[in-house]
N, C-alpha and C. Protein backbone atom coordinates (compact mmCIF):
# COMPACT_ATOMS: atom_id res chain seq x y z
N MET A 1 128.04 -76.76 10.10
CA MET A 1 127.66 -76.02 9.01
C MET A 1 128.95 -76.45 7.99
N SER A 2 130.07 -77.15 8.62
CA SER A 2 130.73 -78.15 6.89
C SER A 2 129.67 -78.61 6.65
N GLU A 3 128.97 -79.59 7.40
CA GLU A 3 128.01 -80.35 6.90
C GLU A 3 127.12 -80.25 5.86
N VAL A 4 126.53 -79.10 6.31
CA VAL A 4 125.56 -78.12 5.49
C VAL A 4 126.46 -77.87 4.13
N SER A 5 127.30 -76.91 4.06
CA SER A 5 128.31 -76.50 3.05
C SER A 5 128.34 -77.89 2.09
N GLU A 6 129.10 -79.20 2.61
CA GLU A 6 129.51 -80.31 1.80
C GLU A 6 127.70 -80.87 1.03
N ILE A 7 126.32 -80.94 1.89
CA ILE A 7 125.63 -81.66 1.57
C ILE A 7 125.25 -80.26 0.41
N SER A 8 125.46 -79.33 0.73
CA SER A 8 124.94 -78.10 -0.58
C SER A 8 125.64 -78.52 -1.92
N GLU A 9 126.79 -78.50 -1.92
CA GLU A 9 127.58 -78.72 -2.82
C GLU A 9 127.45 -80.00 -3.51
N ASP A 10 127.11 -81.10 -2.88
CA ASP A 10 126.88 -82.56 -3.50
C ASP A 10 125.38 -82.73 -3.89
N LEU A 11 124.55 -81.68 -3.54
CA LEU A 11 123.01 -81.36 -4.18
C LEU A 11 122.91 -80.31 -5.36
N ILE A 12 123.91 -79.57 -5.45
CA ILE A 12 124.31 -78.61 -6.76
C ILE A 12 124.68 -80.03 -7.66
N GLN A 13 125.62 -80.92 -7.75
CA GLN A 13 125.86 -82.17 -8.20
C GLN A 13 125.00 -83.25 -8.70
N PHE A 14 124.28 -83.08 -8.15
CA PHE A 14 122.80 -84.17 -7.89
C PHE A 14 122.11 -83.25 -8.92
N ARG A 15 121.45 -82.44 -8.50
CA ARG A 15 120.71 -81.23 -9.50
C ARG A 15 121.43 -81.45 -10.78
N LYS A 16 122.71 -81.24 -11.18
CA LYS A 16 123.12 -81.50 -12.49
C LYS A 16 123.28 -82.79 -13.46
N LEU A 17 122.92 -84.13 -12.17
CA LEU A 17 122.97 -85.34 -12.70
C LEU A 17 121.54 -85.22 -13.19
N VAL A 18 120.73 -84.95 -12.43
CA VAL A 18 119.38 -85.44 -13.12
C VAL A 18 119.05 -84.25 -14.12
N ASP A 19 119.66 -83.40 -14.26
CA ASP A 19 119.01 -82.17 -15.62
C ASP A 19 119.66 -83.22 -16.72
N ILE A 20 120.68 -83.66 -16.80
CA ILE A 20 121.60 -84.38 -17.72
C ILE A 20 120.87 -85.69 -18.06
N HIS A 21 119.95 -86.70 -16.90
CA HIS A 21 119.24 -87.63 -17.58
C HIS A 21 117.78 -86.75 -18.14
N ARG A 22 117.39 -86.25 -17.49
CA ARG A 22 116.17 -85.50 -18.35
C ARG A 22 116.44 -85.08 -19.80
N LYS A 23 117.98 -84.45 -20.37
CA LYS A 23 118.20 -84.01 -21.81
C LYS A 23 118.40 -85.29 -22.38
N PHE A 24 119.32 -86.64 -21.76
CA PHE A 24 119.04 -87.87 -22.37
C PHE A 24 118.75 -88.99 -21.22
N PRO A 25 117.56 -89.18 -21.62
CA PRO A 25 117.04 -90.45 -20.66
C PRO A 25 117.36 -91.59 -20.77
N GLN A 26 118.21 -91.82 -22.07
CA GLN A 26 118.40 -93.22 -22.18
C GLN A 26 119.30 -94.65 -21.10
N SER A 27 119.96 -93.80 -20.14
CA SER A 27 120.76 -94.92 -19.64
C SER A 27 120.29 -94.64 -18.19
N ASN A 28 120.23 -96.24 -18.08
CA ASN A 28 119.14 -96.77 -17.03
C ASN A 28 120.70 -96.59 -16.03
N SER A 29 121.89 -96.73 -16.04
CA SER A 29 122.93 -96.84 -15.09
C SER A 29 122.69 -95.11 -14.42
N ARG A 30 122.59 -94.29 -15.13
CA ARG A 30 122.20 -92.93 -14.62
C ARG A 30 120.89 -93.17 -13.45
N VAL A 31 120.09 -93.53 -13.42
CA VAL A 31 118.87 -93.68 -12.72
C VAL A 31 119.11 -93.95 -11.53
N TYR A 32 120.17 -95.21 -11.85
CA TYR A 32 120.45 -96.12 -10.62
C TYR A 32 121.46 -95.10 -9.67
N LYS A 33 121.75 -94.30 -10.05
CA LYS A 33 123.66 -93.34 -9.79
C LYS A 33 122.35 -92.51 -9.25
N ILE A 34 121.37 -91.80 -9.79
CA ILE A 34 120.25 -90.40 -9.23
C ILE A 34 120.01 -91.39 -7.69
N GLN A 35 119.63 -92.42 -7.93
CA GLN A 35 118.87 -92.86 -6.64
C GLN A 35 119.44 -93.17 -5.71
N GLN A 36 120.90 -93.54 -6.04
CA GLN A 36 121.83 -93.95 -4.90
C GLN A 36 121.96 -92.78 -4.27
N ASP A 37 122.30 -91.49 -5.00
CA ASP A 37 123.09 -89.74 -4.37
C ASP A 37 121.58 -89.74 -3.79
N MET A 38 120.59 -89.42 -3.99
CA MET A 38 119.27 -89.33 -3.29
C MET A 38 119.06 -89.88 -1.77
N ASP A 39 119.10 -91.06 -2.03
CA ASP A 39 119.12 -92.00 -1.10
C ASP A 39 120.35 -91.25 0.27
N SER A 40 121.38 -91.08 -0.59
CA SER A 40 122.69 -90.83 0.20
C SER A 40 122.34 -89.46 1.14
N LEU A 41 121.78 -88.25 0.14
CA LEU A 41 121.56 -86.56 0.29
C LEU A 41 120.44 -87.17 1.34
N LEU A 42 119.50 -87.51 1.27
CA LEU A 42 118.23 -87.72 1.81
C LEU A 42 118.98 -87.92 3.64
N GLY A 43 119.61 -89.11 3.32
CA GLY A 43 119.97 -89.71 5.05
C GLY A 43 120.85 -88.54 5.86
N ARG A 44 121.51 -88.08 4.95
CA ARG A 44 122.91 -86.83 5.27
C ARG A 44 122.08 -85.74 5.88
N ALA A 45 120.81 -85.29 5.11
CA ALA A 45 119.90 -84.01 5.22
C ALA A 45 119.32 -84.42 6.71
N ARG A 46 118.59 -85.42 6.70
CA ARG A 46 118.15 -86.09 7.78
C ARG A 46 118.27 -86.00 9.00
N ALA A 47 119.79 -86.42 9.21
CA ALA A 47 120.94 -86.31 10.35
C ALA A 47 121.16 -85.00 10.64
N LEU A 48 121.08 -83.92 9.86
CA LEU A 48 121.52 -82.57 10.20
C LEU A 48 119.92 -82.33 11.04
N ARG A 49 118.51 -82.99 10.84
CA ARG A 49 117.63 -82.26 11.86
C ARG A 49 117.87 -82.09 13.07
N SER A 50 118.73 -83.45 13.40
CA SER A 50 118.81 -83.84 14.73
C SER A 50 119.82 -82.61 15.53
N GLU A 51 120.20 -81.69 14.78
CA GLU A 51 121.09 -80.62 15.48
C GLU A 51 119.98 -79.57 16.28
N HIS A 52 120.31 -79.08 17.47
CA HIS A 52 119.77 -78.27 18.18
C HIS A 52 119.37 -76.80 17.46
N ASP A 53 120.25 -76.48 16.47
CA ASP A 53 120.16 -74.85 15.83
C ASP A 53 118.79 -75.16 15.17
N GLN A 54 118.18 -73.99 15.17
CA GLN A 54 116.47 -74.34 14.54
C GLN A 54 116.93 -73.84 12.91
N TYR A 55 117.90 -72.53 12.42
CA TYR A 55 118.54 -72.51 11.05
C TYR A 55 118.93 -73.41 10.65
N ILE A 56 119.79 -74.51 11.28
CA ILE A 56 120.24 -75.60 10.21
C ILE A 56 118.78 -77.16 10.26
N GLN A 57 118.54 -76.81 10.92
CA GLN A 57 116.62 -77.46 10.79
C GLN A 57 116.01 -77.35 9.74
N VAL A 58 115.92 -75.92 9.34
CA VAL A 58 115.02 -75.16 8.32
C VAL A 58 116.09 -75.39 7.43
N THR A 59 116.99 -75.63 7.13
CA THR A 59 118.02 -75.78 5.68
C THR A 59 118.25 -77.26 5.75
N ALA A 60 118.20 -78.19 6.78
CA ALA A 60 117.93 -79.23 6.40
C ALA A 60 116.62 -80.21 5.39
N LEU A 61 115.92 -79.58 6.22
CA LEU A 61 114.26 -79.72 5.74
C LEU A 61 114.19 -79.22 4.07
N ALA A 62 114.75 -77.76 4.13
CA ALA A 62 114.32 -77.30 2.48
C ALA A 62 115.45 -77.95 1.90
N MET A 63 116.45 -78.90 2.25
CA MET A 63 117.00 -79.76 1.37
C MET A 63 116.61 -80.93 1.15
N GLU A 64 115.93 -81.52 1.99
CA GLU A 64 115.07 -82.90 1.62
C GLU A 64 113.64 -82.52 0.85
N LEU A 65 113.29 -81.08 0.35
CA LEU A 65 112.00 -80.81 0.10
C LEU A 65 112.50 -80.65 -1.33
N THR A 66 113.98 -80.32 -1.69
CA THR A 66 114.61 -80.01 -2.87
C THR A 66 115.10 -81.23 -3.64
N LEU A 67 115.49 -82.05 -3.05
CA LEU A 67 115.20 -83.87 -3.29
C LEU A 67 114.48 -84.18 -3.80
N TYR A 68 113.11 -84.23 -3.25
CA TYR A 68 111.79 -84.58 -3.31
C TYR A 68 111.54 -84.18 -4.77
N LEU A 69 111.28 -82.67 -4.82
CA LEU A 69 110.95 -81.99 -5.78
C LEU A 69 111.56 -82.02 -7.20
N THR A 70 113.30 -82.50 -6.99
CA THR A 70 114.15 -82.57 -8.14
C THR A 70 113.95 -83.90 -8.66
N TRP A 71 113.90 -84.78 -7.93
CA TRP A 71 113.74 -86.36 -8.42
C TRP A 71 112.78 -86.76 -7.76
N SER A 72 111.80 -87.81 -8.11
CA SER A 72 111.24 -88.49 -7.31
C SER A 72 110.21 -89.56 -8.72
N PRO A 73 110.30 -90.88 -8.01
CA PRO A 73 109.73 -91.84 -9.29
C PRO A 73 108.28 -91.69 -9.52
N LEU A 74 107.57 -90.53 -8.66
CA LEU A 74 106.46 -90.52 -8.64
C LEU A 74 105.70 -89.23 -9.56
N PRO A 75 104.71 -88.86 -10.31
CA PRO A 75 104.75 -87.48 -10.76
C PRO A 75 104.48 -86.65 -9.46
N LYS A 76 104.75 -85.86 -9.42
CA LYS A 76 104.30 -84.62 -8.48
C LYS A 76 103.03 -84.45 -8.32
N SER A 77 102.09 -84.96 -8.69
CA SER A 77 100.27 -84.69 -8.40
C SER A 77 100.47 -86.20 -7.34
N ASN A 78 101.20 -87.07 -7.41
CA ASN A 78 100.77 -88.39 -6.43
C ASN A 78 102.21 -88.29 -4.94
N LEU A 79 102.66 -87.21 -5.01
CA LEU A 79 103.71 -86.81 -4.04
C LEU A 79 102.79 -86.43 -3.06
N ASN A 80 102.55 -86.63 -1.70
CA ASN A 80 102.43 -85.70 -0.84
C ASN A 80 103.35 -85.47 0.40
N LEU A 81 103.61 -84.21 -0.04
CA LEU A 81 105.12 -83.18 0.53
C LEU A 81 104.35 -82.63 1.17
N THR A 82 103.11 -82.29 1.47
CA THR A 82 102.48 -81.23 2.57
C THR A 82 103.11 -81.81 4.11
N PRO A 83 102.93 -82.96 4.10
CA PRO A 83 104.13 -83.31 5.96
C PRO A 83 105.15 -82.66 5.89
N ALA A 84 106.04 -83.00 5.40
CA ALA A 84 107.15 -82.49 5.20
C ALA A 84 107.43 -80.82 5.15
N ALA A 85 106.50 -80.08 4.49
CA ALA A 85 106.40 -78.70 4.63
C ALA A 85 106.08 -78.40 5.72
N ALA A 86 104.87 -78.85 6.13
CA ALA A 86 104.46 -78.60 7.68
C ALA A 86 105.29 -78.74 8.69
N LYS A 87 106.49 -79.57 8.45
CA LYS A 87 108.05 -79.69 9.38
C LYS A 87 108.63 -78.77 9.22
N LEU A 88 108.79 -77.99 7.63
CA LEU A 88 109.62 -76.65 7.74
C LEU A 88 108.56 -75.54 8.24
N LYS A 89 107.83 -75.22 7.75
CA LYS A 89 106.72 -74.31 8.86
C LYS A 89 106.99 -74.12 10.02
N LYS A 90 107.02 -75.32 10.65
CA LYS A 90 107.30 -75.48 12.29
C LYS A 90 108.77 -75.19 12.18
N ALA A 91 109.42 -75.35 11.65
CA ALA A 91 111.00 -74.90 11.78
C ALA A 91 110.95 -73.33 12.00
N PHE A 92 110.58 -72.79 11.13
CA PHE A 92 110.43 -71.16 10.52
C PHE A 92 109.58 -70.88 11.98
N ASP A 93 108.56 -71.69 12.15
CA ASP A 93 107.91 -70.95 13.68
C ASP A 93 108.67 -70.77 14.85
N ASN A 94 109.85 -71.60 14.82
CA ASN A 94 110.74 -71.81 16.49
C ASN A 94 111.94 -71.38 15.86
N LEU A 95 111.91 -70.79 15.17
CA LEU A 95 113.27 -69.64 14.56
C LEU A 95 113.42 -68.73 15.75
N PRO A 96 114.62 -68.64 16.46
CA PRO A 96 114.50 -67.37 17.73
C PRO A 96 114.57 -66.15 17.33
N VAL A 97 114.90 -66.12 15.84
CA VAL A 97 114.88 -64.29 15.66
C VAL A 97 113.69 -64.44 14.35
N ARG A 98 112.72 -63.59 14.13
CA ARG A 98 111.94 -63.75 12.70
C ARG A 98 112.75 -63.12 11.40
N PRO A 99 112.91 -63.50 10.34
CA PRO A 99 113.74 -63.27 9.54
C PRO A 99 113.59 -61.78 9.10
N CYS A 100 113.78 -60.93 8.34
CA CYS A 100 113.47 -59.45 7.79
C CYS A 100 112.67 -59.95 6.46
N MET A 101 112.08 -59.02 6.19
CA MET A 101 111.03 -58.77 4.60
C MET A 101 112.05 -59.12 3.92
N PHE A 102 113.25 -58.46 3.79
CA PHE A 102 114.20 -58.78 2.72
C PHE A 102 114.62 -60.71 2.41
N MET A 103 114.60 -61.26 3.69
CA MET A 103 115.31 -62.35 3.81
C MET A 103 113.84 -63.41 3.22
N ASP A 104 112.38 -63.07 3.88
CA ASP A 104 111.43 -63.56 3.17
C ASP A 104 111.35 -63.91 1.50
N LEU A 105 111.47 -62.07 1.26
CA LEU A 105 111.15 -62.02 -0.18
C LEU A 105 112.35 -63.04 -1.41
N ALA A 106 113.36 -63.39 -0.53
CA ALA A 106 114.16 -64.41 -1.19
C ALA A 106 114.40 -65.61 -0.80
N SER A 107 113.41 -66.24 0.00
CA SER A 107 113.85 -67.28 1.36
C SER A 107 113.71 -68.46 0.32
N CYS A 108 114.63 -69.06 -0.08
CA CYS A 108 114.08 -70.37 -1.11
C CYS A 108 113.53 -71.80 -0.11
N PRO A 109 113.44 -71.65 0.99
CA PRO A 109 112.90 -72.57 1.92
C PRO A 109 111.65 -72.24 1.95
N LEU A 110 111.42 -70.85 2.17
CA LEU A 110 109.78 -70.62 2.02
C LEU A 110 108.97 -70.69 0.72
N MET A 111 109.77 -70.66 -0.33
CA MET A 111 109.47 -70.88 -1.88
C MET A 111 109.16 -72.37 -2.04
N LEU A 112 110.16 -72.95 -1.86
CA LEU A 112 109.98 -74.55 -1.50
C LEU A 112 108.84 -75.18 -0.63
N GLY A 113 108.70 -74.79 0.45
CA GLY A 113 107.66 -74.82 1.38
C GLY A 113 106.20 -74.62 0.64
N ALA A 114 106.26 -73.26 -0.44
CA ALA A 114 105.06 -72.98 -0.67
C ALA A 114 104.75 -73.99 -1.86
N VAL A 115 105.65 -74.81 -2.95
CA VAL A 115 105.26 -75.58 -3.95
C VAL A 115 105.26 -76.83 -3.74
N ALA A 116 106.18 -77.23 -2.46
CA ALA A 116 105.97 -78.80 -2.14
C ALA A 116 104.66 -79.14 -1.67
N SER A 117 103.66 -77.94 -0.84
CA SER A 117 102.42 -78.20 -0.37
C SER A 117 101.23 -78.20 -1.13
N ASP A 118 100.31 -79.04 -0.98
CA ASP A 118 98.79 -78.99 -1.61
C ASP A 118 98.64 -77.73 -1.68
N GLU A 119 98.13 -77.80 -3.09
CA GLU A 119 96.97 -76.10 -3.22
C GLU A 119 95.86 -76.46 -2.28
N GLY A 120 95.84 -75.41 -1.65
CA GLY A 120 94.45 -75.40 -0.78
C GLY A 120 94.66 -75.43 0.81
N SER A 121 95.84 -76.49 0.84
CA SER A 121 96.32 -76.55 2.26
C SER A 121 96.81 -75.07 3.01
N GLU A 122 96.29 -75.20 4.35
CA GLU A 122 96.74 -74.73 5.43
C GLU A 122 98.32 -74.29 5.69
N VAL A 123 98.73 -75.18 5.23
CA VAL A 123 100.41 -74.99 5.33
C VAL A 123 101.02 -74.22 3.86
N ARG A 124 100.12 -74.34 2.82
CA ARG A 124 100.33 -73.59 1.92
C ARG A 124 100.56 -72.42 1.89
N HIS A 125 99.18 -71.93 2.15
CA HIS A 125 98.69 -70.76 2.59
C HIS A 125 99.65 -70.34 3.15
N TRP A 126 100.25 -71.15 4.36
CA TRP A 126 100.89 -70.01 5.58
C TRP A 126 102.28 -69.45 4.46
N PHE A 127 102.80 -70.08 3.95
CA PHE A 127 104.14 -69.83 3.27
C PHE A 127 104.04 -68.87 2.24
N VAL A 128 102.43 -68.87 0.97
CA VAL A 128 102.30 -68.13 0.22
C VAL A 128 102.27 -66.63 0.98
N THR A 129 101.57 -66.64 2.14
CA THR A 129 101.20 -65.57 2.65
C THR A 129 102.15 -64.95 3.32
N ARG A 130 103.42 -65.37 4.04
CA ARG A 130 104.63 -64.80 3.93
C ARG A 130 104.96 -64.23 3.03
N ILE A 131 105.54 -65.04 2.12
CA ILE A 131 106.01 -64.24 0.85
C ILE A 131 104.85 -63.33 0.35
N ARG A 132 103.92 -63.51 -0.15
CA ARG A 132 103.06 -62.47 -0.46
C ARG A 132 103.30 -60.91 0.71
N LYS A 133 103.48 -61.01 1.70
CA LYS A 133 103.68 -59.82 2.61
C LYS A 133 104.89 -59.41 2.11
N ALA A 134 105.76 -60.00 2.40
CA ALA A 134 107.05 -59.54 1.84
C ALA A 134 107.33 -58.60 0.59
N VAL A 135 106.13 -59.23 -0.48
CA VAL A 135 106.28 -58.46 -1.61
C VAL A 135 105.64 -57.18 -1.45
N GLN A 136 104.35 -57.48 -0.96
CA GLN A 136 103.55 -56.30 -0.76
C GLN A 136 104.39 -55.07 0.06
N THR A 137 104.89 -55.09 0.97
CA THR A 137 105.73 -54.29 1.69
C THR A 137 106.84 -53.72 0.78
N PHE A 138 107.32 -54.18 -0.06
CA PHE A 138 108.39 -53.76 -0.92
C PHE A 138 107.58 -52.80 -2.01
N LYS A 139 106.17 -53.25 -2.88
CA LYS A 139 105.56 -52.72 -3.61
C LYS A 139 105.43 -51.36 -2.66
N SER A 140 104.93 -51.28 -1.65
CA SER A 140 104.15 -50.30 -0.96
C SER A 140 105.48 -49.42 -0.68
N ARG A 141 106.68 -49.63 -0.71
CA ARG A 141 107.57 -48.64 -0.60
C ARG A 141 108.43 -48.32 -1.87
N GLY A 142 107.61 -48.68 -2.83
CA GLY A 142 108.31 -48.03 -4.42
C GLY A 142 108.96 -48.81 -5.13
N TRP A 143 108.84 -50.11 -4.74
CA TRP A 143 109.67 -50.86 -5.70
C TRP A 143 108.26 -51.82 -6.18
N GLN A 144 108.15 -51.63 -7.39
CA GLN A 144 107.13 -52.02 -8.48
C GLN A 144 106.99 -53.59 -8.56
N ARG A 145 108.34 -54.47 -8.55
CA ARG A 145 108.44 -55.76 -9.11
C ARG A 145 109.64 -56.12 -8.19
N PRO A 146 109.39 -56.54 -7.35
CA PRO A 146 110.10 -57.00 -6.12
C PRO A 146 110.83 -58.61 -6.80
N LEU A 147 109.65 -59.12 -7.13
CA LEU A 147 110.19 -60.95 -7.50
C LEU A 147 111.40 -60.44 -8.85
N GLU A 148 111.56 -59.65 -9.71
CA GLU A 148 112.28 -59.46 -10.63
C GLU A 148 113.46 -59.65 -10.35
N VAL A 149 114.06 -59.42 -9.48
CA VAL A 149 115.37 -59.89 -8.76
C VAL A 149 115.50 -61.25 -9.23
N LEU A 150 114.44 -61.91 -8.31
CA LEU A 150 114.89 -63.29 -8.22
C LEU A 150 114.51 -64.19 -10.04
N GLU A 151 113.24 -63.60 -10.32
CA GLU A 151 113.49 -64.05 -11.60
C GLU A 151 114.53 -64.19 -12.86
N ARG A 152 115.32 -63.02 -12.41
CA ARG A 152 116.70 -63.20 -13.35
C ARG A 152 117.57 -63.81 -12.97
N ALA A 153 118.03 -63.69 -11.51
CA ALA A 153 119.04 -64.57 -10.83
C ALA A 153 118.66 -65.55 -10.04
N PHE A 154 117.74 -66.19 -10.03
CA PHE A 154 117.55 -67.61 -9.43
C PHE A 154 117.57 -68.40 -10.53
N THR A 155 118.31 -69.62 -10.45
CA THR A 155 119.20 -70.37 -11.23
C THR A 155 118.47 -72.33 -10.96
N PRO A 156 117.10 -72.37 -10.71
CA PRO A 156 117.00 -74.07 -10.19
C PRO A 156 116.98 -74.55 -11.42
N ASP A 157 116.90 -75.88 -11.34
CA ASP A 157 116.52 -76.86 -12.14
C ASP A 157 115.61 -76.68 -12.91
N ASP A 158 115.13 -76.95 -14.30
CA ASP A 158 113.99 -76.50 -15.37
C ASP A 158 112.80 -76.80 -14.75
N GLY A 159 112.73 -78.09 -13.80
CA GLY A 159 111.37 -78.59 -13.11
C GLY A 159 111.27 -77.21 -12.13
N LEU A 160 111.97 -76.94 -11.60
CA LEU A 160 112.03 -75.98 -10.27
C LEU A 160 111.45 -74.81 -10.53
N ALA A 161 112.23 -74.35 -11.39
CA ALA A 161 112.25 -73.06 -11.90
C ALA A 161 110.86 -72.71 -12.34
N SER A 162 109.94 -73.59 -13.15
CA SER A 162 108.38 -73.44 -13.88
C SER A 162 107.84 -73.26 -12.20
N GLU A 163 107.87 -74.27 -11.44
CA GLU A 163 107.06 -74.42 -10.26
C GLU A 163 107.50 -73.05 -9.34
N PHE A 164 108.23 -72.28 -9.44
CA PHE A 164 108.83 -70.98 -8.52
C PHE A 164 108.29 -69.94 -9.24
N ARG A 165 108.21 -69.97 -10.65
CA ARG A 165 107.60 -68.79 -11.63
C ARG A 165 106.35 -68.76 -11.40
N ALA A 166 105.57 -70.12 -11.21
CA ALA A 166 103.80 -70.13 -11.19
C ALA A 166 103.69 -69.47 -9.94
N LEU A 167 104.75 -69.65 -8.74
CA LEU A 167 104.04 -69.48 -7.40
C LEU A 167 104.26 -67.75 -7.14
N TRP A 168 105.18 -67.29 -8.26
CA TRP A 168 105.48 -65.63 -8.42
C TRP A 168 104.33 -65.24 -8.86
N ARG A 169 104.33 -65.99 -9.80
CA ARG A 169 102.82 -65.01 -10.90
C ARG A 169 101.67 -65.31 -9.78
N GLU A 170 101.18 -66.14 -9.30
CA GLU A 170 100.01 -65.96 -8.17
C GLU A 170 100.22 -65.06 -6.99
N ILE A 171 101.83 -65.12 -6.54
CA ILE A 171 101.84 -64.21 -5.52
C ILE A 171 102.06 -62.70 -6.02
N ASP A 172 102.16 -62.54 -7.26
CA ASP A 172 102.51 -60.78 -7.41
C ASP A 172 101.10 -60.33 -8.42
N GLY A 173 100.60 -61.59 -8.46
CA GLY A 173 99.44 -61.08 -9.18
C GLY A 173 98.40 -60.81 -8.68
């Protein structure tokens, strides 16, 4: 768990560095630092996948997707993250206890799997359906805008924020 915490903190710093670069793209040295940090974080996150704890495996895969969605030399349309999202789906399927609807509604790994998967893929459908079921359950219990909490409180980088908002519009629409 301490390694998960350390990687999470470093991932926050990484995302800040990428945000600064996007606002002030003149520095090539920053690109080199970003790539070094990404390679290091990817290696550390992949090492976590060897843990036998399924929850840590879900977290590690979510970290990897976060890294790829935050920084890639390729445009998102040229990335093929569906296989990585499929691994995340499999890790979710192997969890010893299925998370409750509250967890599904606010699950960053579920949202990452959905936005990383190709449109129309079976993997994306699985992630979207799972989040949509949580939203529908809350709506049936009288909470008309269950995603409103996420819209106000969730603060990913600018690129991921737009991806998540598009996902929420699709799910809530």
